[in-house]
Every structure is written in structure tokens, then in C-alpha cells.
């Protein structure tokens, strides 16, 4: 089959010898270049001259099989070249056409086989992920969809009282909310994985966001709030993030007493959620909020997806998350860059994504 081979960094004598061999081989075309060019993707392999020095191995990049050429391929050079990804190293002074053809075609075949195996593995992983996602959604949506079906059936019963009808309608509304939140979380996580999660950038008092988050989940939290603690961020997203963190920690340590501290400094604003409990440890909080699991968040259960999304929101705001302390007092710290006062024309904010978008 035809071969288009890039030749990089050879001296004139080596290139002439390669051209002589190529003329004796069927389907060979040599393209000489000092470095990889824009047409790299159209080439089948690369012959890389190594006589210019071993540093060329570190600076060189080619998305395809590479065969090294040297006038003195001693063992150390061969080892470094193979470790750097070369398929073979040839002595161009003693090289013949048949050996050149055999080495390059074997390298091309190996590269194509490896590419096909990677593509097959990626396709299999995509199929597994799709299967897991369908299974997860089927399990999570079964309850709200069943509740909606039962409520719709009940509403068709003319003998229901007004109170019973109102109860059925409320159940439908709650079930729709569960489905909507599940879909929104999946869309947000997909955006976060692509680096496309959008957050607004407007100055806001962080204490107000924290207060709403605490009130929404009903956790008993004492306060220690700085007089001024302003950051640039998305109030809706931040409230969503703190909702998840607070609810998660309260669920993991229901007997703990919680204190929320908000500390403002010139360069940063820190939110510290302190838990006091004889059974609470830094490892437990770390496992709850900052797990090291490699599970794919799109196919994990609802609680894990919510935590993954909360961490993505923190990252989108430039926040750092860490856990420290010793029993009985363990702290989750969320540190934001402080809001810098604008002294010139205000810059445009990133578009805020509304709930349900």
C-alpha cells in the first residue's frame, strides 16, 4: 500500500540515501521538513534524524509511528528513543531499502492496531456509560413517574373530594419537580465536564446566600459572620452549592453541632463550616464532600451527582475546598477570591443560566 513518510532532521547525505531507497520501493513518498507541519495528519509515518542530539526527542511531537535514524545508534540512544515512543531506531549508513520498508510498515501496522484498540475501548466505555445512565435514570425516575401515574388515575375518579384532588395535584407537582431536578443536574454535570458550566459574575454579599441555604434545608447552625464579605458570583448557583454541602454533612453526622463562620480578608473570603461531634473526623468529612472515587458523576446516584455538581460550581467560582481539624472540631473550608472594587467602567458579566435552562 502507498506510504507517505515525513522525514525530519536528517542531514543532506542521509536524506539522499533515503530518497534512493524510496525510489526502489513501491508506493513510497518522502516529505522533508525541519519540524512537523500542518499536513502531519496526511502522513503515515515519520523518519526522525537523531544525530542532531537527544534533545530532539523531547522537543519532537508526531501523532503517528516514528522510526529514528542515527549514524551511530548506541544502546543508550536506542533506549531513550524507544522510551520516548519511537518504534525502532535504524543506522542510516548501513540501511538497505528492504530493511527500511519492513521497519516502517511494521511501525505503521502497530500504530494502526493500537489506534483501533483505543477506539474500540472508547466505544465500549461509551456503551457501558449509556447503559449505566439508563439504568440509573430508570431507577431514580420510577418513583416520581409512578406517583404521577397514580395521581392522574385518581384525578379521573369523580368521587374524589376537593381535598383529595388537591393532594393528588400536589403529588404531581412534587414528582415533576424531582424529574426536573434530575434532568437539570445531568445537563449541568455534562456542561461541567466539558468546561461549559456558566456562572454569573456579579458582586454579592455571601452572608445572604448562606442564610438562604441554611433556611432552605432547616439545619440548626450558629453564625459568626464578617461585617463585609463580598464576592463575584452567581447567587443561585452558590446557594445550590451550599445547600448540597450542608445537607450532606448534616446527613453524615446528624448529632453534630454546626457553626458557620464567614471571614473576609483583603484577597479572599472564607466560609468555614465547623462540626463538633465525638464521632466526626476529617477523614469522614473528606469522604462525604471530597471523595477520591473515580466514579463517573453522570452515572452515579443522585446524592453523588449533587456533590459532583457542587464541586464543579465551586471550581467555576475559583473556590478552593479543603478539610482540616481534629476531633471533636472538624472544618470544611471554602475559600473564594475577594471581590475587587471596580474603579473603571464595569466589565460585562458572564451570562447567568437560569434554573431549568
Protein backbone atom coordinates (compact mmCIF):
# COMPACT_ATOMS: atom_id res chain seq x y z
CA UNK A 1 0.00 0.00 0.00
CA UNK A 2 1.18 3.60 -0.56
CA UNK A 3 3.17 5.27 2.21
CA UNK A 4 3.65 8.99 2.78
CA UNK A 5 6.57 9.41 5.16
CA UNK A 6 7.70 12.62 6.85
CA UNK A 7 11.48 12.99 7.15
CA UNK A 8 12.61 15.33 9.96
CA UNK A 9 16.11 16.49 11.00
CA UNK A 10 18.26 14.43 8.60
CA UNK A 11 21.48 15.78 7.11
CA UNK A 12 21.71 16.02 3.32
CA UNK A 13 23.65 12.78 2.93
CA UNK A 14 21.12 10.81 4.97
CA UNK A 15 18.20 12.31 3.07
CA UNK A 16 19.73 11.48 -0.30
CA UNK A 17 20.25 7.90 0.79
CA UNK A 18 16.64 7.69 1.96
CA UNK A 19 15.43 9.06 -1.38
CA UNK A 20 17.48 6.41 -3.17
CA UNK A 21 15.84 3.67 -1.11
CA UNK A 22 12.37 5.18 -1.59
CA UNK A 23 12.76 5.10 -5.38
CA UNK A 24 13.36 1.36 -5.15
CA UNK A 25 10.21 0.79 -3.09
CA UNK A 26 6.65 0.68 -4.41
CA UNK A 27 4.30 3.40 -3.16
CA UNK A 28 6.84 5.39 -1.10
CA UNK A 29 6.67 9.19 -0.96
CA UNK A 30 9.07 11.19 1.23
CA UNK A 31 8.19 14.65 2.57
CA UNK A 32 11.15 16.51 4.07
CA UNK A 33 10.55 19.11 6.79
CA UNK A 34 12.60 20.66 9.62
CA UNK A 35 9.65 20.13 12.02
CA UNK A 36 6.16 18.66 11.86
CA UNK A 37 3.96 20.78 9.62
CA UNK A 38 0.24 21.38 9.30
CA UNK A 39 -0.13 18.42 6.94
CA UNK A 40 1.03 15.96 9.57
CA UNK A 41 -2.36 14.24 9.64
CA UNK A 42 -1.97 13.24 5.96
CA UNK A 43 1.26 11.31 6.64
CA UNK A 44 1.56 7.65 7.58
CA UNK A 45 4.86 7.67 9.48
CA UNK A 46 7.89 9.76 10.37
CA UNK A 47 11.63 9.16 9.99
CA UNK A 48 13.34 11.27 12.65
CA UNK A 49 17.05 12.07 12.44
CA UNK A 50 18.69 11.76 15.86
CA UNK A 51 22.22 12.90 15.01
CA UNK A 52 21.35 16.49 15.98
CA UNK A 53 21.25 15.37 19.61
CA UNK A 54 18.98 13.57 22.04
CA UNK A 55 17.18 16.80 22.91
CA UNK A 56 15.29 16.44 19.63
CA UNK A 57 13.35 13.58 21.24
CA UNK A 58 11.95 15.90 23.91
CA UNK A 59 11.03 18.71 21.51
CA UNK A 60 9.55 16.47 18.81
CA UNK A 61 5.87 15.52 18.56
CA UNK A 62 4.17 13.50 15.84
CA UNK A 63 0.76 11.86 16.03
CA UNK A 64 1.84 8.66 14.36
CA UNK A 65 4.55 5.99 14.26
CA UNK A 66 8.14 7.29 14.47
CA UNK A 67 11.30 5.49 13.37
CA UNK A 68 14.58 7.06 14.46
CA UNK A 69 17.63 7.42 12.21
CA UNK A 70 21.17 7.67 13.53
CA UNK A 71 24.71 7.31 12.18
CA UNK A 72 25.73 5.69 15.48
CA UNK A 73 22.72 4.16 17.26
CA UNK A 74 24.37 3.07 20.50
CA UNK A 75 22.32 1.31 23.17
CA UNK A 76 21.64 4.39 25.30
CA UNK A 77 20.23 6.37 22.38
CA UNK A 78 18.08 3.45 21.26
CA UNK A 79 16.69 3.02 24.77
CA UNK A 80 15.84 6.72 25.12
CA UNK A 81 14.23 6.81 21.69
CA UNK A 82 12.08 3.76 22.40
CA UNK A 83 11.10 5.16 25.81
CA UNK A 84 10.07 8.41 24.09
CA UNK A 85 7.73 6.50 21.77
CA UNK A 86 9.86 5.55 18.76
CA UNK A 87 9.00 2.17 17.24
CA UNK A 88 12.54 1.49 16.01
CA UNK A 89 15.97 3.10 15.56
CA UNK A 90 17.93 2.42 12.36
CA UNK A 91 21.53 3.08 11.31
CA UNK A 92 21.05 5.07 8.10
CA UNK A 93 24.62 4.37 6.94
CA UNK A 94 24.12 0.59 6.70
CA UNK A 95 20.39 0.67 5.96
CA UNK A 96 19.01 -1.04 2.84
CA UNK A 97 15.67 -0.48 1.14
CA UNK A 98 14.12 -3.75 2.30
CA UNK A 99 15.00 -3.14 5.97
CA UNK A 100 13.66 0.42 5.77
CA UNK A 101 10.39 -0.75 4.22
CA UNK A 102 9.97 -3.56 6.73
CA UNK A 103 10.65 -1.34 9.76
CA UNK A 104 8.33 1.48 8.70
CA UNK A 105 5.47 -0.77 7.59
CA UNK A 106 5.65 -2.75 10.84
CA UNK A 107 5.56 0.53 12.82
CA UNK A 108 2.54 1.72 10.80
CA UNK A 109 0.73 -1.59 11.34
CA UNK A 110 1.40 -1.49 15.09
CA UNK A 111 0.21 2.11 15.34
CA UNK A 112 -2.99 1.39 13.43
CA UNK A 113 -3.67 -1.66 15.60
CA UNK A 114 -3.17 0.39 18.78
CA UNK A 115 -5.45 3.15 17.41
CA UNK A 116 -8.14 0.60 16.57
CA UNK A 117 -7.88 -0.93 20.04
CA UNK A 118 -8.20 2.51 21.67
CA UNK A 119 -11.22 3.35 19.52
CA UNK A 120 -12.80 0.00 20.41
CA UNK A 121 -12.18 0.57 24.13
CA UNK A 122 -13.64 4.08 23.94
CA UNK A 123 -16.70 2.80 22.10
CA UNK A 124 -17.19 0.04 24.68
CA UNK A 125 -16.81 2.58 27.51
CA UNK A 126 -19.41 4.83 25.85
CA UNK A 127 -21.83 1.90 25.57
CA UNK A 128 -21.27 0.98 29.23
CA UNK A 129 -21.80 4.59 30.30
CA UNK A 130 -25.02 4.81 28.30
CA UNK A 131 -26.25 1.55 29.81
CA UNK A 132 -25.39 2.72 33.35
CA UNK A 133 -27.06 6.08 32.75
CA UNK A 134 -30.26 4.45 31.50
CA UNK A 135 -30.26 2.06 34.48
CA UNK A 136 -29.65 4.90 36.96
CA UNK A 137 -32.36 7.10 35.48
CA UNK A 138 -34.82 4.23 35.29
CA UNK A 139 -34.30 3.52 38.98
CA UNK A 140 -34.49 7.16 40.09
CA UNK A 141 -37.43 8.16 37.91
CA UNK A 142 -39.55 5.10 38.65
CA UNK A 143 -40.91 6.54 41.91
CA UNK A 144 -41.89 10.04 40.68
CA UNK A 145 -43.34 8.68 37.44
CA UNK A 146 -45.31 6.06 39.38
CA UNK A 147 -46.63 8.76 41.70
CA UNK A 148 -47.70 10.89 38.72
CA UNK A 149 -49.47 7.95 37.09
CA UNK A 150 -51.33 7.11 40.30
CA UNK A 151 -52.31 10.76 40.82
CA UNK A 152 -53.56 11.15 37.25
CA UNK A 153 -55.63 7.99 37.68
CA UNK A 154 -57.03 9.28 40.96
CA UNK A 155 -57.96 12.63 39.44
CA UNK A 156 -60.14 10.79 36.93
CA UNK A 157 -62.25 9.46 39.81
CA UNK A 158 -65.31 11.69 40.06
CA UNK A 159 -65.95 10.60 43.65
CA UNK A 160 -62.81 12.33 45.00
CA UNK A 161 -63.30 15.23 47.38
CA UNK A 162 -61.73 18.61 46.70
CA UNK A 163 -59.10 17.99 49.39
CA UNK A 164 -58.17 14.65 47.83
CA UNK A 165 -57.91 16.25 44.39
CA UNK A 166 -55.67 18.98 45.78
CA UNK A 167 -53.46 16.34 47.40
CA UNK A 168 -53.17 14.47 44.09
CA UNK A 169 -52.27 17.67 42.24
CA UNK A 170 -49.60 18.48 44.86
CA UNK A 171 -48.13 15.00 44.44
CA UNK A 172 -47.93 15.50 40.68
CA UNK A 173 -46.19 18.86 41.18
CA UNK A 174 -43.64 17.34 43.59
CA UNK A 175 -42.95 14.45 41.24
CA UNK A 176 -42.46 16.79 38.29
CA UNK A 177 -40.00 18.76 40.42
CA UNK A 178 -37.98 15.60 41.14
CA UNK A 179 -37.81 14.73 37.44
CA UNK A 180 -36.89 18.30 36.52
CA UNK A 181 -34.08 18.46 39.11
CA UNK A 182 -32.67 15.13 37.94
CA UNK A 183 -32.55 16.28 34.32
CA UNK A 184 -31.09 19.68 35.30
CA UNK A 185 -28.33 18.01 37.34
CA UNK A 186 -27.41 15.74 34.44
CA UNK A 187 -27.28 18.65 31.99
CA UNK A 188 -25.20 20.73 34.41
CA UNK A 189 -22.73 17.90 35.03
CA UNK A 190 -22.35 17.33 31.30
CA UNK A 191 -21.60 21.05 30.87
CA UNK A 192 -19.15 20.97 33.79
CA UNK A 193 -17.27 18.02 32.28
CA UNK A 194 -16.92 20.00 29.04
CA UNK A 195 -15.85 23.12 30.95
CA UNK A 196 -19.01 24.93 29.84
CA UNK A 197 -20.79 25.45 33.17
CA UNK A 198 -21.82 29.11 33.12
CA UNK A 199 -21.96 31.21 36.29
CA UNK A 200 -22.85 34.87 36.61
CA UNK A 201 -20.21 37.32 37.80
CA UNK A 202 -21.95 39.94 39.91
CA UNK A 203 -20.86 41.34 43.30
CA UNK A 204 -22.99 39.80 46.04
CA UNK A 205 -22.93 39.57 49.85
CA UNK A 206 -22.08 35.97 50.63
CA UNK A 207 -23.84 36.08 54.02
CA UNK A 208 -27.23 36.41 52.30
CA UNK A 209 -26.53 33.36 50.15
CA UNK A 210 -25.50 31.30 53.18
CA UNK A 211 -28.54 32.39 55.17
CA UNK A 212 -30.92 31.28 52.42
CA UNK A 213 -29.09 27.95 52.07
CA UNK A 214 -29.35 27.25 55.80
CA UNK A 215 -33.03 28.20 55.90
CA UNK A 216 -33.87 26.03 52.89
CA UNK A 217 -32.61 22.79 54.49
CA UNK A 218 -33.60 23.55 58.09
CA UNK A 219 -30.23 22.71 59.69
CA UNK A 220 -29.62 24.29 63.09
CA UNK A 221 -26.45 26.33 62.51
CA UNK A 222 -24.93 29.04 64.69
CA UNK A 223 -23.42 32.06 62.94
CA UNK A 224 -20.18 34.00 63.06
CA UNK A 225 -20.34 36.38 60.11
CA UNK A 226 -17.88 39.05 58.95
CA UNK A 227 -19.25 42.57 58.56
CA UNK A 228 -18.28 42.70 54.88
CA UNK A 229 -17.87 39.56 52.80
CA UNK A 230 -18.50 40.23 49.12
CA UNK A 231 -17.53 38.02 46.19
CA UNK A 232 -18.26 37.98 42.48
CA UNK A 233 -20.51 35.08 41.70
CA UNK A 234 -23.86 33.56 40.89
CA UNK A 235 -26.22 33.69 43.89
CA UNK A 236 -28.46 30.89 42.58
CA UNK A 237 -25.51 28.58 41.90
CA UNK A 238 -23.80 29.33 45.22
CA UNK A 239 -27.00 28.72 47.17
CA UNK A 240 -27.34 25.42 45.32
CA UNK A 241 -23.74 24.50 46.24
CA UNK A 242 -24.06 25.32 49.95
CA UNK A 243 -27.44 23.54 50.09
CA UNK A 244 -25.72 20.35 48.98
CA UNK A 245 -22.71 20.65 51.31
CA UNK A 246 -24.82 21.48 54.37
CA UNK A 247 -27.37 18.76 53.71
CA UNK A 248 -24.65 16.19 53.03
CA UNK A 249 -22.76 16.92 56.25
CA UNK A 250 -25.93 17.04 58.33
CA UNK A 251 -26.91 13.65 56.92
CA UNK A 252 -23.49 12.10 57.63
CA UNK A 253 -23.29 13.50 61.18
CA UNK A 254 -26.86 14.12 62.41
CA UNK A 255 -25.76 14.51 66.03
CA UNK A 256 -23.11 17.16 65.31
CA UNK A 257 -23.44 20.80 66.33
CA UNK A 258 -22.65 23.12 63.41
CA UNK A 259 -21.22 26.61 63.29
CA UNK A 260 -20.89 28.70 60.15
CA UNK A 261 -18.08 31.23 60.07
CA UNK A 262 -17.64 33.81 57.35
CA UNK A 263 -14.29 35.59 57.35
CA UNK A 264 -13.34 38.38 54.95
CA UNK A 265 -9.72 39.27 54.11
CA UNK A 266 -8.31 41.70 51.51
CA UNK A 267 -7.64 38.97 48.96
CA UNK A 268 -10.11 36.23 49.85
CA UNK A 269 -13.35 35.34 51.57
CA UNK A 270 -13.52 32.10 53.52
CA UNK A 271 -16.60 30.14 54.52
CA UNK A 272 -15.88 27.69 57.33
CA UNK A 273 -18.46 25.10 58.31
CA UNK A 274 -17.35 23.69 61.66
CA UNK A 275 -18.85 20.49 63.02
CA UNK A 276 -18.47 19.42 66.65
CA UNK A 277 -19.02 15.77 67.41
CA UNK A 278 -17.11 12.99 69.15
CA UNK A 279 -17.52 10.73 66.10
CA UNK A 280 -16.77 13.33 63.42
CA UNK A 281 -13.33 13.07 61.78
CA UNK A 282 -11.58 14.89 58.95
CA UNK A 283 -11.50 11.61 57.01
CA UNK A 284 -15.26 11.24 57.34
CA UNK A 285 -15.95 14.78 56.12
CA UNK A 286 -13.43 14.36 53.32
CA UNK A 287 -15.10 11.13 52.23
CA UNK A 288 -18.52 12.80 52.33
CA UNK A 289 -17.71 16.00 50.46
CA UNK A 290 -14.42 15.43 48.61
CA UNK A 291 -14.41 11.74 47.67
CA UNK A 292 -11.46 10.40 45.71
CA UNK A 293 -13.67 7.95 43.86
CA UNK A 294 -13.13 7.68 40.11
CA UNK A 295 -16.84 7.02 39.52
CA UNK A 296 -18.31 8.85 36.56
CA UNK A 297 -20.64 11.52 38.02
CA UNK A 298 -23.17 11.26 35.18
CA UNK A 299 -23.91 7.64 36.07
CA UNK A 300 -23.75 7.84 39.88
CA UNK A 301 -26.71 8.14 42.20
CA UNK A 302 -28.49 11.40 42.90
CA UNK A 303 -26.59 12.37 46.07
CA UNK A 304 -23.20 11.76 44.48
CA UNK A 305 -24.22 13.69 41.37
CA UNK A 306 -25.31 16.64 43.50
CA UNK A 307 -21.93 16.66 45.27
CA UNK A 308 -20.07 16.45 41.96
CA UNK A 309 -22.10 19.40 40.68
CA UNK A 310 -21.47 21.36 43.90
CA UNK A 311 -17.72 20.85 43.47
CA UNK A 312 -18.00 21.96 39.84
CA UNK A 313 -19.81 25.14 40.93
CA UNK A 314 -17.05 25.85 43.46
CA UNK A 315 -14.42 25.36 40.77
CA UNK A 316 -16.29 27.66 38.37
CA UNK A 317 -16.12 30.39 41.05
CA UNK A 318 -12.40 29.86 41.59
CA UNK A 319 -13.06 28.48 45.09
CA UNK A 320 -10.80 26.04 46.94
CA UNK A 321 -12.22 23.23 49.09
CA UNK A 322 -10.35 21.50 51.89
CA UNK A 323 -10.98 19.82 55.21
CA UNK A 324 -8.92 20.14 58.39
CA UNK A 325 -9.15 19.93 62.17
CA UNK A 326 -9.05 17.29 64.87
CA UNK A 327 -11.95 15.73 66.79
CA UNK A 328 -14.16 17.00 68.24
CA UNK A 329 -13.93 20.01 65.87
CA UNK A 330 -13.68 19.42 62.11
CA UNK A 331 -13.95 22.16 59.49
CA UNK A 332 -14.89 22.26 55.82
CA UNK A 333 -13.35 25.39 54.30
CA UNK A 334 -14.49 27.03 51.07
CA UNK A 335 -12.21 29.89 50.05
CA UNK A 336 -13.25 32.40 47.35
CA UNK A 337 -11.28 35.22 45.73
CA UNK A 338 -12.44 38.51 47.24
CA UNK A 339 -14.48 40.92 45.14
CA UNK A 340 -12.16 43.63 43.80
CA UNK A 341 -13.79 47.07 43.74
CA UNK A 342 -14.18 48.33 40.21
CA UNK A 343 -12.50 51.67 39.60
CA UNK A 344 -13.15 51.79 35.89
CA UNK A 345 -16.03 51.01 33.59
CA UNK A 346 -17.70 47.82 34.82
CA UNK A 347 -16.87 44.80 32.74
CA UNK A 348 -19.57 42.58 31.29
CA UNK A 349 -20.72 39.62 33.31
CA UNK A 350 -20.89 36.10 32.05
CA UNK A 351 -24.49 35.22 31.20
CA UNK A 352 -26.32 33.65 34.11
CA UNK A 353 -28.03 30.35 33.42
CA UNK A 354 -31.49 30.33 34.89
CA UNK A 355 -32.88 27.35 36.73
CA UNK A 356 -34.35 24.84 34.31
CA UNK A 357 -32.41 26.21 31.32
